[in-house]
Protein backbone atom coordinates (compact mmCIF):
# COMPACT_ATOMS: atom_id res chain seq x y z
CA MET A 1 -54.02 38.62 1.13
CA ARG A 2 -51.59 41.15 2.95
CA LEU A 3 -51.31 39.15 6.18
CA ARG A 4 -50.80 35.77 3.78
CA LEU A 5 -47.96 37.19 1.82
CA PRO A 6 -45.35 37.76 4.45
CA VAL A 7 -46.31 34.39 5.85
CA VAL A 8 -45.69 32.41 2.60
CA LEU A 9 -42.35 34.52 1.95
CA VAL A 10 -41.46 33.50 5.38
CA GLY A 11 -42.09 30.21 4.98
CA GLY A 12 -40.70 29.73 1.53
CA THR A 13 -37.31 31.33 2.90
CA VAL A 14 -37.19 29.03 5.91
CA ALA A 15 -37.46 26.24 3.60
CA LEU A 16 -35.01 27.26 1.15
CA PHE A 17 -32.42 27.80 3.95
CA ALA A 18 -33.34 24.24 5.48
CA VAL A 19 -32.81 22.79 1.92
CA LEU A 20 -29.54 24.69 1.31
CA GLY A 21 -28.45 23.82 4.96
CA ALA A 22 -29.35 20.13 4.53
CA CYS A 23 -26.85 20.08 1.05
CA VAL A 24 -23.96 21.77 2.88
CA VAL A 25 -24.47 19.40 5.68
CA LEU A 26 -24.14 16.25 3.24
CA LEU A 27 -21.35 17.84 0.99
CA ALA A 28 -19.49 18.37 4.27
CA PHE A 29 -19.97 14.78 5.27
CA GLY A 30 -19.17 13.46 1.98
CA PHE A 31 -15.80 15.25 1.83
CA VAL A 32 -15.00 13.98 5.56
CA HIS A 33 -16.01 10.48 4.68
CA TYR A 34 -14.04 10.62 1.59
CA THR A 35 -10.96 12.11 3.36
CA THR A 36 -11.35 9.74 6.31
CA ARG A 37 -11.14 6.70 3.52
CA LEU A 38 -7.92 8.11 2.14
CA VAL A 39 -6.26 8.50 5.72
CA LEU A 40 -7.24 4.97 6.78
CA GLY A 41 -6.41 3.37 3.54
CA LEU A 42 -9.88 2.26 2.96
CA SER A 43 -9.51 3.49 -0.74
CA ALA A 44 -6.55 3.40 -2.96
CA PRO A 45 -7.13 6.10 -5.88
CA GLU A 46 -3.66 5.67 -6.67
CA SER A 47 -3.25 1.96 -6.87
CA SER A 48 -3.52 1.52 -10.73
CA LEU A 49 -0.34 4.02 -11.05
CA GLN A 50 2.73 2.31 -11.79
CA TYR A 51 5.80 4.10 -10.06
CA GLU A 52 9.35 4.03 -11.11
CA PRO A 53 11.93 2.87 -8.53
CA SER A 54 13.63 5.97 -6.55
CA GLY A 55 17.21 5.99 -6.44
CA GLU A 56 16.78 4.68 -2.67
CA ALA A 57 15.24 1.84 -4.19
CA LEU A 58 17.61 1.04 -6.69
CA ASP A 59 20.60 1.41 -4.18
CA ALA A 60 18.93 -0.58 -1.62
CA ILE A 61 16.87 -3.52 -3.34
CA PRO A 62 19.14 -5.98 -5.10
CA PRO A 63 17.88 -6.28 -8.68
CA LEU A 64 16.40 -9.74 -8.52
CA TYR A 65 14.18 -8.72 -5.71
CA LEU A 66 13.16 -5.84 -7.45
CA HIS A 67 12.26 -7.52 -10.34
CA LEU A 68 10.03 -10.19 -8.40
CA TYR A 69 8.35 -7.44 -6.44
CA GLU A 70 7.27 -5.75 -9.90
CA ALA A 71 6.48 -8.97 -11.36
CA ALA A 72 4.16 -10.32 -8.73
CA ALA A 73 2.54 -6.77 -7.94
CA ALA A 74 1.77 -6.92 -11.99
CA ARG A 75 0.28 -10.51 -11.50
CA TYR A 76 -2.07 -9.33 -8.65
CA GLY A 77 -2.61 -5.92 -9.43
CA LEU A 78 -0.69 -4.31 -6.56
CA ASP A 79 1.84 -1.60 -6.06
CA TRP A 80 5.18 -2.96 -6.23
CA SER A 81 6.45 -0.69 -3.50
CA VAL A 82 4.42 -1.97 -0.95
CA LEU A 83 5.59 -5.27 -1.50
CA ALA A 84 9.20 -4.04 -1.36
CA GLY A 85 8.20 -2.10 1.83
CA ILE A 86 7.22 -5.45 3.50
CA GLY A 87 10.34 -7.41 2.29
CA THR A 88 12.72 -4.51 3.39
CA VAL A 89 10.62 -4.49 7.17
CA GLU A 90 10.61 -8.06 7.20
CA CYS A 91 14.29 -9.34 5.91
CA ASP A 92 15.79 -6.47 4.39
CA ASN A 93 15.07 -7.78 0.73
CA GLY A 94 16.82 -10.95 1.27
CA GLN A 95 19.99 -9.18 2.81
CA ASP A 96 19.21 -9.91 6.90
CA PRO A 97 21.77 -12.49 7.79
CA ALA A 98 18.92 -13.67 10.37
CA PRO A 99 18.59 -17.73 9.97
CA SER A 100 15.06 -17.52 9.80
CA CYS A 101 15.57 -15.38 6.60
CA THR A 102 18.28 -17.35 4.88
CA VAL A 103 18.32 -20.85 6.31
CA PRO A 104 15.89 -23.20 5.05
CA GLY A 105 13.73 -24.55 7.70
CA ALA A 106 14.84 -22.16 10.42
CA LEU A 107 11.80 -20.26 12.08
CA ASN A 108 12.09 -16.83 14.15
CA TYR A 109 10.72 -16.83 17.73
CA ALA A 110 7.05 -16.15 16.27
CA GLY A 111 7.42 -19.12 14.06
CA ALA A 112 7.80 -17.31 10.76
CA GLY A 113 10.40 -17.95 8.05
CA GLY A 114 11.55 -17.02 4.76
CA PRO A 115 12.21 -13.65 2.94
CA ALA A 116 8.79 -12.78 3.57
CA GLN A 117 8.59 -14.20 6.89
CA PHE A 118 5.46 -16.25 6.82
CA LEU A 119 4.15 -18.33 9.61
CA VAL A 120 3.83 -22.09 8.60
CA SER A 121 -0.12 -22.23 8.86
CA THR A 122 -0.53 -19.00 6.70
CA TRP A 123 2.07 -20.44 3.87
CA GLN A 124 0.09 -23.60 3.81
CA ARG A 125 -3.06 -21.60 2.64
CA TYR A 126 -1.62 -18.82 0.58
CA GLY A 127 1.97 -20.04 -0.54
CA VAL A 128 2.19 -20.15 -4.35
CA THR A 129 4.87 -20.28 -6.97
CA PRO A 130 5.11 -17.71 -9.78
CA THR A 131 4.26 -20.40 -12.32
CA GLY A 132 1.53 -22.07 -10.15
CA THR A 133 3.23 -25.43 -10.52
CA GLY A 134 5.19 -27.28 -8.28
CA THR A 135 5.35 -26.92 -4.40
CA PRO A 136 5.98 -23.47 -2.83
CA ASN A 137 9.31 -23.20 -0.79
CA MET A 138 8.98 -20.71 1.85
CA TRP A 139 12.68 -19.81 1.53
CA ASN A 140 12.73 -19.14 -2.22
CA PRO A 141 12.57 -15.59 -2.92
CA ALA A 142 10.27 -15.83 -5.98
CA ASP A 143 7.92 -18.11 -4.32
CA SER A 144 7.90 -16.09 -0.86
CA ILE A 145 7.26 -12.66 -2.88
CA PHE A 146 4.51 -13.94 -4.97
CA SER A 147 3.00 -15.62 -2.00
CA MET A 148 3.14 -12.22 -0.24
CA ALA A 149 1.46 -10.87 -3.05
CA ASN A 150 -1.23 -13.28 -3.08
CA TYR A 151 -2.00 -13.00 0.64
CA LEU A 152 -2.22 -9.25 0.07
CA HIS A 153 -4.63 -9.30 -2.35
CA ALA A 154 -6.83 -12.01 -0.44
CA CYS A 155 -6.62 -9.48 2.34
CA GLY A 156 -7.96 -6.75 0.32
CA ALA A 157 -5.26 -4.83 -1.55
CA PRO A 158 -5.23 -2.69 -3.60
CA GLN A 159 -8.69 -1.56 -2.22
CA ASN A 160 -7.33 -1.38 1.16
CA TYR A 161 -3.90 -1.57 1.68
CA ALA A 162 -3.87 -0.45 5.26
CA ARG A 163 -6.10 -3.40 6.25
CA ALA A 164 -4.20 -5.74 3.85
CA ILE A 165 -0.84 -4.81 5.74
CA TYR A 166 -2.30 -5.05 9.07
CA ASP A 167 -3.74 -8.51 8.61
CA TYR A 168 0.03 -9.37 7.50
CA ASN A 169 1.08 -8.43 10.63
CA HIS A 170 -1.39 -7.17 13.32
CA ALA A 171 0.49 -3.99 14.49
CA TRP A 172 -0.32 -0.42 13.20
CA TRP A 173 3.07 0.61 13.78
CA TYR A 174 4.11 -2.08 11.09
CA VAL A 175 1.57 -0.59 8.68
CA HIS A 176 2.91 2.81 8.94
CA GLU A 177 6.50 1.52 8.51
CA VAL A 178 5.76 -0.64 5.51
CA LEU A 179 3.94 2.54 4.08
CA ALA A 180 6.94 4.74 4.87
CA TRP A 181 9.27 2.43 3.05
CA ALA A 182 6.95 2.19 0.13
CA GLN A 183 6.89 6.00 -0.32
CA ARG A 184 10.51 6.27 -0.19
CA TYR A 185 11.02 3.38 -2.91
CA ARG A 186 8.75 5.42 -5.42
CA ALA A 187 10.05 7.69 -7.94
CA THR A 188 7.81 10.75 -8.15
CA TYR A 189 7.60 12.88 -11.25
CA ALA A 190 7.57 16.56 -11.89
CA ALA A 191 6.76 18.37 -15.38
CA GLN A 192 9.46 20.36 -16.93
CA SER A 193 8.61 22.76 -19.81
CA ASP A 194 11.06 23.22 -22.85
CA PRO A 195 9.83 26.53 -24.26
CA ALA A 196 12.74 26.22 -27.12
CA HIS A 197 10.95 23.39 -28.39
CA GLY A 198 7.54 23.81 -27.20
CA THR A 199 7.53 20.41 -25.38
CA THR A 200 6.66 19.22 -21.90
CA TYR A 201 8.66 16.35 -20.47
CA SER A 202 8.67 14.53 -17.07
CA TYR A 203 11.72 13.49 -15.07
CA ALA A 204 12.04 11.52 -11.86
CA VAL A 205 12.77 13.03 -8.26
CA PRO A 206 13.09 11.36 -5.31
CA ALA A 207 9.90 10.80 -3.07
CA PRO A 208 10.30 12.42 0.09
CA LYS A 209 11.89 10.67 2.70
CA VAL A 210 9.78 9.43 5.95
CA SER A 211 11.29 7.74 8.85
CA PRO A 212 9.85 4.33 9.63
CA HIS A 213 9.43 3.22 13.30
CA PRO A 214 11.15 0.01 14.51
CA GLY A 215 9.62 -2.90 16.09
CA PRO A 216 9.34 -6.53 16.50
CA ARG A 217 8.05 -8.81 13.63
CA ARG A 218 5.54 -11.31 13.96
CA GLY A 219 5.15 -12.72 10.39
CA PRO A 220 1.81 -12.88 8.28
CA GLY A 221 -1.30 -14.55 9.67
């Protein structure tokens, strides 16, 4: 019995450390897996949050376009600032004088047109009107923005914004630029205590600025 006791103890200790080691490995793998999903946009834990427009958004986006981004996002359960980011990159929210952005029937070198720069073939499949009636017009801001939201949703947003934006324009620089604009357009909030009245309230502060990267536009599809 004296010879078996150390063997049992040693064996039990080894087994215990093996189990603990396996738990640590599983926890580490889970953390890395979750972090990787966040970095790559494979999950969107904040997709259900509603962001107020930042001061930059209010200055840069015409009121009509801002309203359409918010309305289209609400319809499809998306983040309006991502729509605004795409609208900024494509046609500066309707302010780009390029004929493909402003002149009905005009297309860019890639065959895309309208404020959301849709390819004709993609528009034929995903073009919609806000009311769901009538024929969608690619150069109509309301139709183009609601169609943008419809297309992103069909491509996996809000669960995977990065993948959906990549499908919109097959370039990772484009994904980073759109998300950079989206970040700039969101107002963030900070808590402020008021000891005199025993209350806490929130106030908007500008989101941190991230410089987007310029590059050619191709259009969704």
